[in-house]
Protein backbone atom coordinates (compact mmCIF):
# COMPACT_ATOMS: atom_id res chain seq x y z
CA MET A 1 -11.82 -10.51 44.62
CA ILE A 2 -13.68 -8.21 42.26
CA GLU A 3 -16.13 -9.98 39.99
CA PRO A 4 -15.75 -9.63 36.20
CA GLN A 5 -18.23 -7.18 34.71
CA PRO A 6 -20.21 -7.66 31.49
CA ILE A 7 -19.48 -5.27 28.65
CA ALA A 8 -20.80 -4.96 25.12
CA VAL A 9 -18.74 -2.93 22.67
CA THR A 10 -18.65 -2.63 18.92
CA VAL A 11 -15.07 -3.27 17.85
CA ASN A 12 -14.20 -2.60 14.22
CA GLY A 13 -17.86 -2.97 13.31
CA ALA A 14 -18.48 -6.25 15.16
CA ARG A 15 -20.54 -6.43 18.36
CA VAL A 16 -18.49 -8.01 21.17
CA ARG A 17 -19.80 -9.17 24.54
CA ARG A 18 -17.38 -10.23 27.24
CA PHE A 19 -16.90 -10.36 30.98
CA VAL A 20 -13.84 -8.35 32.02
CA GLU A 21 -12.19 -7.55 35.30
CA PRO A 22 -12.96 -3.93 36.19
CA ARG A 23 -9.28 -2.93 36.29
CA VAL A 24 -8.37 -4.19 32.80
CA SER A 25 -7.38 -1.37 30.47
CA LEU A 26 -9.01 -1.02 27.09
CA ALA A 27 -5.60 -1.65 25.50
CA ASP A 28 -5.13 -4.92 27.39
CA PHE A 29 -8.70 -5.98 26.55
CA LEU A 30 -8.13 -5.34 22.84
CA ARG A 31 -4.77 -7.10 22.81
CA ARG A 32 -5.35 -10.05 25.16
CA ASP A 33 -9.05 -10.76 24.85
CA LEU A 34 -9.60 -9.86 21.20
CA GLY A 35 -6.14 -10.48 19.71
CA LEU A 36 -5.95 -6.97 18.20
CA THR A 37 -2.26 -6.44 18.72
CA GLY A 38 -1.99 -3.32 16.53
CA THR A 39 -2.83 -1.38 19.67
CA HIS A 40 0.64 -1.19 21.19
CA LEU A 41 1.53 -0.66 24.82
CA GLY A 42 4.53 1.56 25.36
CA CYS A 43 4.54 3.86 28.36
CA GLU A 44 1.13 2.89 29.81
CA VAL A 45 0.72 6.45 31.15
CA GLY A 46 -0.66 8.17 28.03
CA ALA A 47 2.58 9.85 27.00
CA CYS A 48 3.71 7.87 23.93
CA GLY A 49 0.51 7.47 21.88
CA ALA A 50 1.26 3.92 20.74
CA CYS A 51 -2.07 2.72 22.16
CA ILE A 52 -4.35 5.29 20.51
CA VAL A 53 -7.65 3.98 19.12
CA ASN A 54 -10.83 5.72 18.05
CA LEU A 55 -13.62 5.62 20.59
CA ASP A 56 -16.94 6.77 19.15
CA GLY A 57 -14.94 8.54 16.45
CA ARG A 58 -12.41 10.32 18.71
CA PRO A 59 -8.81 9.29 19.38
CA VAL A 60 -8.18 8.09 22.94
CA HIS A 61 -5.27 6.52 24.77
CA ALA A 62 -6.46 2.95 25.32
CA CYS A 63 -3.92 2.46 28.10
CA LEU A 64 -5.62 5.16 30.18
CA MET A 65 -9.15 3.87 29.78
CA LEU A 66 -10.69 0.86 31.44
CA ALA A 67 -12.44 -1.64 29.20
CA VAL A 68 -15.61 -1.32 31.30
CA GLN A 69 -15.69 2.40 30.46
CA ALA A 70 -16.08 1.50 26.77
CA ASP A 71 -19.30 -0.42 27.45
CA GLY A 72 -21.87 0.52 24.80
CA MET A 73 -19.34 2.39 22.68
CA ARG A 74 -17.71 1.89 19.29
CA VAL A 75 -13.97 1.16 19.19
CA ASP A 76 -12.02 1.32 15.95
CA THR A 77 -8.46 0.01 16.07
CA VAL A 78 -5.73 0.40 13.48
CA GLU A 79 -6.71 -3.06 12.17
CA GLY A 80 -10.32 -2.02 11.60
CA LEU A 81 -9.38 1.32 10.05
CA SER A 82 -6.92 -0.45 7.78
CA ASP A 83 -9.34 -3.21 6.77
CA SER A 84 -12.01 -0.61 5.91
CA GLY A 85 -9.58 1.22 3.61
CA GLU A 86 -9.71 4.42 5.66
CA LEU A 87 -5.95 4.36 6.19
CA ALA A 88 -4.96 3.28 2.68
CA ALA A 89 -3.68 6.68 1.51
CA LEU A 90 -1.77 7.26 4.75
CA GLN A 91 -0.29 3.78 4.72
CA ALA A 92 0.87 4.20 1.12
CA ALA A 93 2.39 7.61 1.91
CA PHE A 94 4.14 6.25 5.01
CA HIS A 95 5.59 3.46 2.90
CA ALA A 96 6.63 5.78 0.05
CA ARG A 97 8.29 8.26 2.41
CA ASN A 98 9.90 5.62 4.68
CA ALA A 99 7.98 6.97 7.65
CA LEU A 100 7.70 3.53 9.25
CA GLN A 101 11.15 2.54 10.54
CA CYS A 102 10.58 0.19 13.52
CA GLY A 103 6.80 0.67 13.29
CA PHE A 104 6.04 0.54 17.00
CA CYS A 105 4.52 4.04 17.08
CA THR A 106 2.96 3.82 13.61
CA PRO A 107 -0.51 2.46 14.55
CA GLY A 108 -1.19 5.30 16.99
CA ILE A 109 0.19 7.89 14.60
CA LEU A 110 -1.99 6.57 11.76
CA VAL A 111 -5.11 6.77 13.92
CA VAL A 112 -4.30 10.33 15.00
CA ALA A 113 -3.32 11.42 11.48
CA GLN A 114 -6.52 10.01 9.97
CA ASP A 115 -8.64 11.88 12.53
CA PHE A 116 -6.62 15.07 12.00
CA LEU A 117 -6.99 14.93 8.21
CA ARG A 118 -10.71 14.25 8.53
CA ALA A 119 -11.09 17.36 10.72
CA CYS A 120 -9.05 19.44 8.24
CA ARG A 121 -11.25 18.30 5.32
CA ALA A 122 -14.41 19.06 7.29
CA ALA A 123 -13.08 22.56 8.04
CA GLY A 124 -12.03 23.02 4.42
CA ARG A 125 -8.45 23.82 5.30
CA MET A 126 -5.04 22.62 4.24
CA PRO A 127 -2.94 21.81 7.31
CA SER A 128 0.43 23.45 7.76
CA ARG A 129 3.49 21.44 8.73
CA ALA A 130 3.31 23.12 12.14
CA SER A 131 -0.31 22.02 12.63
CA ILE A 132 0.60 18.46 11.60
CA ARG A 133 3.40 18.46 14.17
CA ASP A 134 0.99 19.83 16.77
CA ALA A 135 -1.53 17.07 15.98
CA LEU A 136 1.23 14.50 16.51
CA SER A 137 2.42 16.01 19.79
CA GLY A 138 0.89 13.13 21.76
CA ASN A 139 2.75 10.51 19.72
CA TYR A 140 6.35 9.63 20.51
CA CYS A 141 8.66 8.21 17.83
CA ARG A 142 12.27 7.35 18.61
CA CYS A 143 13.31 6.33 15.10
CA THR A 144 12.25 8.79 12.42
CA GLY A 145 12.76 12.31 13.73
CA TYR A 146 9.21 12.99 12.44
CA GLU A 147 10.25 14.60 9.12
CA ALA A 148 9.21 11.59 7.05
CA ILE A 149 5.99 11.25 9.06
CA VAL A 150 5.08 14.92 8.55
CA ASP A 151 6.01 14.62 4.84
CA ALA A 152 3.70 11.62 4.46
CA ILE A 153 0.76 13.28 6.20
CA GLU A 154 1.30 16.51 4.27
CA SER A 155 1.34 14.62 0.96
CA VAL A 156 -1.97 12.93 1.78
CA ALA A 157 -3.50 16.27 2.80
CA ARG A 158 -2.32 17.80 -0.48
CA SER A 159 -3.72 14.88 -2.52
CA GLN A 160 -7.05 15.10 -0.72
CA ALA A 161 -7.22 18.88 -1.30
CA GLU A 162 -6.47 18.41 -5.00
CA ALA A 163 -9.13 15.71 -5.26
CA ALA A 164 -11.67 18.00 -3.56
CA LEU A 165 -10.83 20.80 -6.00
CA GLY A 166 -11.37 18.37 -8.88
CA GLU A 167 -14.75 17.38 -7.47
CA ASP A 168 -15.75 21.01 -7.09
CA ALA A 169 -14.81 21.72 -10.71
CA ALA A 170 -16.88 18.78 -12.01
């Protein structure tokens, strides 16, 4: 038997120390040990994107990473990003555009979309629909056909660009 290993991670801003079995995925650790069930498990091979979380500010597939690999790192789940207000505009746009449907893929898509929009703002560019689709290429949705999702993300990008123009004019 392999002995549980100590890890210390910052999850959604809170320092967490636990002993975990070395073969436990980050997704299972978040769901089972911490009760953060917004991180969904779909394919468990990194193809669907339902498990995506931010690790030290970058989206990663939590099903492909072991919890022990996150030792010393910062993990932000959809719950933490939502509670902090970072996802508020995206969540409102998803609701307004009916981009939710069953919702199974939505947490991973929101995490990816938020990171994508942040990178677009930092680069000072307005994303095209094609670039939004490309950013979502690692997220699989069976319900929506992606049009409503792309519409929602595009509307948030447009609102953020307009707000930035207003700030520049002030």
